[in-house]
């Protein structure tokens, strides 16, 4: 089933792409500088940033087209949920020993991603309810 994106959902996808793109650049390019400040491994920061690049590209393509398969929109929401779970999982499992700033960074970015996921889910639900 293909879904025509309402203006709200398109704007949320564009905003997610902008914020995720900025985070990708910050983490990938700034990993050596951020690592000592955040207490997070440089490799983790770098690869987290790199993983975001295809996600950002997908968000931009979907938002620009204005129409997308419903499963792709559900996948975007699911990927955001997985990112949130992984972010908190890293903190809870003590896989890393972040500084207070690092803990705040991981928590803040996870909450922003959760907000985008919730907004996307809400926009998708609203869109499919109108169809």
C-alpha atoms as a PDB file:
ATOM      1  CA  UNK A   1       0.000   0.000   0.000  1.00  0.00           C
ATOM      2  CA  UNK A   2       1.410   3.344  -1.038  1.00  0.00           C
ATOM      3  CA  UNK A   3       0.819   6.340   1.207  1.00  0.00           C
ATOM      4  CA  UNK A   4       0.648   9.964   0.138  1.00  0.00           C
ATOM      5  CA  UNK A   5       2.381  11.989   2.807  1.00  0.00           C
ATOM      6  CA  UNK A   6       0.432  14.770   4.448  1.00  0.00           C
ATOM      7  CA  UNK A   7       2.309  18.054   4.999  1.00  0.00           C
ATOM      8  CA  UNK A   8       2.832  17.289   8.695  1.00  0.00           C
ATOM      9  CA  UNK A   9       4.484  13.936   8.010  1.00  0.00           C
ATOM     10  CA  UNK A  10       6.659  15.392   5.248  1.00  0.00           C
ATOM     11  CA  UNK A  11       7.886  18.161   7.557  1.00  0.00           C
ATOM     12  CA  UNK A  12       8.659  15.679  10.328  1.00  0.00           C
ATOM     13  CA  UNK A  13      10.649  13.533   7.888  1.00  0.00           C
ATOM     14  CA  UNK A  14      12.577  16.590   6.674  1.00  0.00           C
ATOM     15  CA  UNK A  15      13.249  17.692  10.268  1.00  0.00           C
ATOM     16  CA  UNK A  16      14.417  14.189  11.202  1.00  0.00           C
ATOM     17  CA  UNK A  17      16.738  14.215   8.172  1.00  0.00           C
ATOM     18  CA  UNK A  18      18.183  17.595   9.183  1.00  0.00           C
ATOM     19  CA  UNK A  19      18.790  16.644  12.811  1.00  0.00           C
ATOM     20  CA  UNK A  20      20.064  13.158  11.944  1.00  0.00           C
ATOM     21  CA  UNK A  21      22.340  14.618   9.276  1.00  0.00           C
ATOM     22  CA  UNK A  22      23.803  17.093  11.736  1.00  0.00           C
ATOM     23  CA  UNK A  23      24.314  14.302  14.275  1.00  0.00           C
ATOM     24  CA  UNK A  24      25.958  12.120  11.618  1.00  0.00           C
ATOM     25  CA  UNK A  25      28.428  14.850  10.730  1.00  0.00           C
ATOM     26  CA  UNK A  26      29.111  15.693  14.359  1.00  0.00           C
ATOM     27  CA  UNK A  27      29.707  12.113  15.419  1.00  0.00           C
ATOM     28  CA  UNK A  28      31.587  10.879  12.330  1.00  0.00           C
ATOM     29  CA  UNK A  29      33.817  13.920  11.857  1.00  0.00           C
ATOM     30  CA  UNK A  30      34.120  14.868  15.512  1.00  0.00           C
ATOM     31  CA  UNK A  31      34.640  11.424  17.010  1.00  0.00           C
ATOM     32  CA  UNK A  32      38.297  11.972  17.983  1.00  0.00           C
ATOM     33  CA  UNK A  33      37.437  15.260  19.694  1.00  0.00           C
ATOM     34  CA  UNK A  34      34.167  14.139  21.292  1.00  0.00           C
ATOM     35  CA  UNK A  35      35.459  10.831  22.639  1.00  0.00           C
ATOM     36  CA  UNK A  36      37.460  12.230  25.590  1.00  0.00           C
ATOM     37  CA  UNK A  37      34.720  14.730  26.466  1.00  0.00           C
ATOM     38  CA  UNK A  38      31.913  12.181  26.380  1.00  0.00           C
ATOM     39  CA  UNK A  39      33.795   9.150  27.644  1.00  0.00           C
ATOM     40  CA  UNK A  40      32.527   7.189  24.643  1.00  0.00           C
ATOM     41  CA  UNK A  41      34.782   5.177  22.334  1.00  0.00           C
ATOM     42  CA  UNK A  42      35.810   7.061  19.210  1.00  0.00           C
ATOM     43  CA  UNK A  43      34.889   4.072  17.061  1.00  0.00           C
ATOM     44  CA  UNK A  44      31.389   3.951  18.501  1.00  0.00           C
ATOM     45  CA  UNK A  45      30.832   7.636  17.765  1.00  0.00           C
ATOM     46  CA  UNK A  46      32.305   7.369  14.257  1.00  0.00           C
ATOM     47  CA  UNK A  47      30.280   4.327  13.215  1.00  0.00           C
ATOM     48  CA  UNK A  48      27.087   5.649  14.805  1.00  0.00           C
ATOM     49  CA  UNK A  49      27.524   8.728  12.624  1.00  0.00           C
ATOM     50  CA  UNK A  50      28.253   6.651   9.530  1.00  0.00           C
ATOM     51  CA  UNK A  51      25.175   4.480  10.063  1.00  0.00           C
ATOM     52  CA  UNK A  52      23.038   7.598   9.999  1.00  0.00           C
ATOM     53  CA  UNK A  53      24.108   8.608   6.481  1.00  0.00           C
ATOM     54  CA  UNK A  54      21.967   6.079   4.545  1.00  0.00           C
ATOM     55  CA  UNK A  55      19.118   6.713   6.981  1.00  0.00           C
ATOM     56  CA  UNK A  56      19.271  10.446   6.248  1.00  0.00           C
ATOM     57  CA  UNK A  57      19.349   9.753   2.503  1.00  0.00           C
ATOM     58  CA  UNK A  58      16.255   7.563   2.825  1.00  0.00           C
ATOM     59  CA  UNK A  59      14.407  10.207   4.817  1.00  0.00           C
ATOM     60  CA  UNK A  60      15.194  12.843   2.199  1.00  0.00           C
ATOM     61  CA  UNK A  61      14.117  10.660  -0.725  1.00  0.00           C
ATOM     62  CA  UNK A  62      10.848   9.706   0.961  1.00  0.00           C
ATOM     63  CA  UNK A  63      10.026  13.250   2.076  1.00  0.00           C
ATOM     64  CA  UNK A  64      10.841  14.755  -1.346  1.00  0.00           C
ATOM     65  CA  UNK A  65       8.719  12.249  -3.252  1.00  0.00           C
ATOM     66  CA  UNK A  66       5.701  12.888  -1.080  1.00  0.00           C
ATOM     67  CA  UNK A  67       4.530   9.303  -1.561  1.00  0.00           C
ATOM     68  CA  UNK A  68       6.008   6.113  -0.141  1.00  0.00           C
ATOM     69  CA  UNK A  69       5.171   2.480   0.497  1.00  0.00           C
ATOM     70  CA  UNK A  70       3.524   2.133   3.886  1.00  0.00           C
ATOM     71  CA  UNK A  71       6.030  -0.519   4.962  1.00  0.00           C
ATOM     72  CA  UNK A  72       8.896   1.920   4.376  1.00  0.00           C
ATOM     73  CA  UNK A  73       7.303   4.499   6.662  1.00  0.00           C
ATOM     74  CA  UNK A  74       6.756   1.825   9.306  1.00  0.00           C
ATOM     75  CA  UNK A  75      10.412   0.821   8.902  1.00  0.00           C
ATOM     76  CA  UNK A  76      11.509   4.418   9.514  1.00  0.00           C
ATOM     77  CA  UNK A  77       9.521   4.521  12.742  1.00  0.00           C
ATOM     78  CA  UNK A  78      10.926   1.117  13.747  1.00  0.00           C
ATOM     79  CA  UNK A  79      14.516   2.212  13.036  1.00  0.00           C
ATOM     80  CA  UNK A  80      14.012   5.248  15.251  1.00  0.00           C
ATOM     81  CA  UNK A  81      12.685   2.982  18.009  1.00  0.00           C
ATOM     82  CA  UNK A  82      15.668   0.651  17.619  1.00  0.00           C
ATOM     83  CA  UNK A  83      18.068   3.608  17.828  1.00  0.00           C
ATOM     84  CA  UNK A  84      16.445   4.700  21.095  1.00  0.00           C
ATOM     85  CA  UNK A  85      16.592   1.175  22.519  1.00  0.00           C
ATOM     86  CA  UNK A  86      20.246   0.770  21.490  1.00  0.00           C
ATOM     87  CA  UNK A  87      21.168   4.155  22.952  1.00  0.00           C
ATOM     88  CA  UNK A  88      19.687   3.364  26.337  1.00  0.00           C
ATOM     89  CA  UNK A  89      20.962  -0.203  26.067  1.00  0.00           C
ATOM     90  CA  UNK A  90      24.526   1.054  25.780  1.00  0.00           C
ATOM     91  CA  UNK A  91      24.069   3.050  28.967  1.00  0.00           C
ATOM     92  CA  UNK A  92      22.212   0.405  30.965  1.00  0.00           C
ATOM     93  CA  UNK A  93      24.508  -2.507  30.121  1.00  0.00           C
ATOM     94  CA  UNK A  94      27.594  -0.539  31.157  1.00  0.00           C
ATOM     95  CA  UNK A  95      29.162  -1.359  27.779  1.00  0.00           C
ATOM     96  CA  UNK A  96      30.722   2.093  27.990  1.00  0.00           C
ATOM     97  CA  UNK A  97      31.671   4.398  30.842  1.00  0.00           C
ATOM     98  CA  UNK A  98      30.483   7.815  29.710  1.00  0.00           C
ATOM     99  CA  UNK A  99      31.208  11.019  31.518  1.00  0.00           C
ATOM    100  CA  UNK A 100      28.265  12.990  32.844  1.00  0.00           C
ATOM    101  CA  UNK A 101      28.326  14.961  29.586  1.00  0.00           C
ATOM    102  CA  UNK A 102      28.403  11.686  27.629  1.00  0.00           C
ATOM    103  CA  UNK A 103      25.447  10.330  29.593  1.00  0.00           C
ATOM    104  CA  UNK A 104      23.543  13.557  28.895  1.00  0.00           C
ATOM    105  CA  UNK A 105      24.499  13.426  25.194  1.00  0.00           C
ATOM    106  CA  UNK A 106      23.311   9.834  24.719  1.00  0.00           C
ATOM    107  CA  UNK A 107      20.121  10.493  26.691  1.00  0.00           C
ATOM    108  CA  UNK A 108      19.315  13.745  24.872  1.00  0.00           C
ATOM    109  CA  UNK A 109      19.846  12.352  21.386  1.00  0.00           C
ATOM    110  CA  UNK A 110      17.781   9.256  22.265  1.00  0.00           C
ATOM    111  CA  UNK A 111      14.912  11.429  23.499  1.00  0.00           C
ATOM    112  CA  UNK A 112      15.022  13.544  20.323  1.00  0.00           C
ATOM    113  CA  UNK A 113      14.947  10.392  18.187  1.00  0.00           C
ATOM    114  CA  UNK A 114      12.035   9.063  20.282  1.00  0.00           C
ATOM    115  CA  UNK A 115      10.181  12.312  19.653  1.00  0.00           C
ATOM    116  CA  UNK A 116      10.724  12.021  15.903  1.00  0.00           C
ATOM    117  CA  UNK A 117       9.559   8.405  15.956  1.00  0.00           C
ATOM    118  CA  UNK A 118       6.433   9.323  17.877  1.00  0.00           C
ATOM    119  CA  UNK A 119       5.673  12.251  15.534  1.00  0.00           C
ATOM    120  CA  UNK A 120       6.195  10.047  12.492  1.00  0.00           C
ATOM    121  CA  UNK A 121       3.981   7.328  13.935  1.00  0.00           C
ATOM    122  CA  UNK A 122       1.290   9.894  14.752  1.00  0.00           C
ATOM    123  CA  UNK A 123       1.492  11.407  11.271  1.00  0.00           C
ATOM    124  CA  UNK A 124       1.327   7.988   9.634  1.00  0.00           C
ATOM    125  CA  UNK A 125      -1.651   6.977  11.765  1.00  0.00           C
ATOM    126  CA  UNK A 126      -3.414  10.226  10.936  1.00  0.00           C
ATOM    127  CA  UNK A 127      -2.675   9.728   7.243  1.00  0.00           C
ATOM    128  CA  UNK A 128      -3.904   6.124   7.106  1.00  0.00           C
ATOM    129  CA  UNK A 129      -7.028   7.020   9.101  1.00  0.00           C
ATOM    130  CA  UNK A 130      -7.953   9.593   6.449  1.00  0.00           C
ATOM    131  CA  UNK A 131      -7.494   7.122   3.581  1.00  0.00           C
END
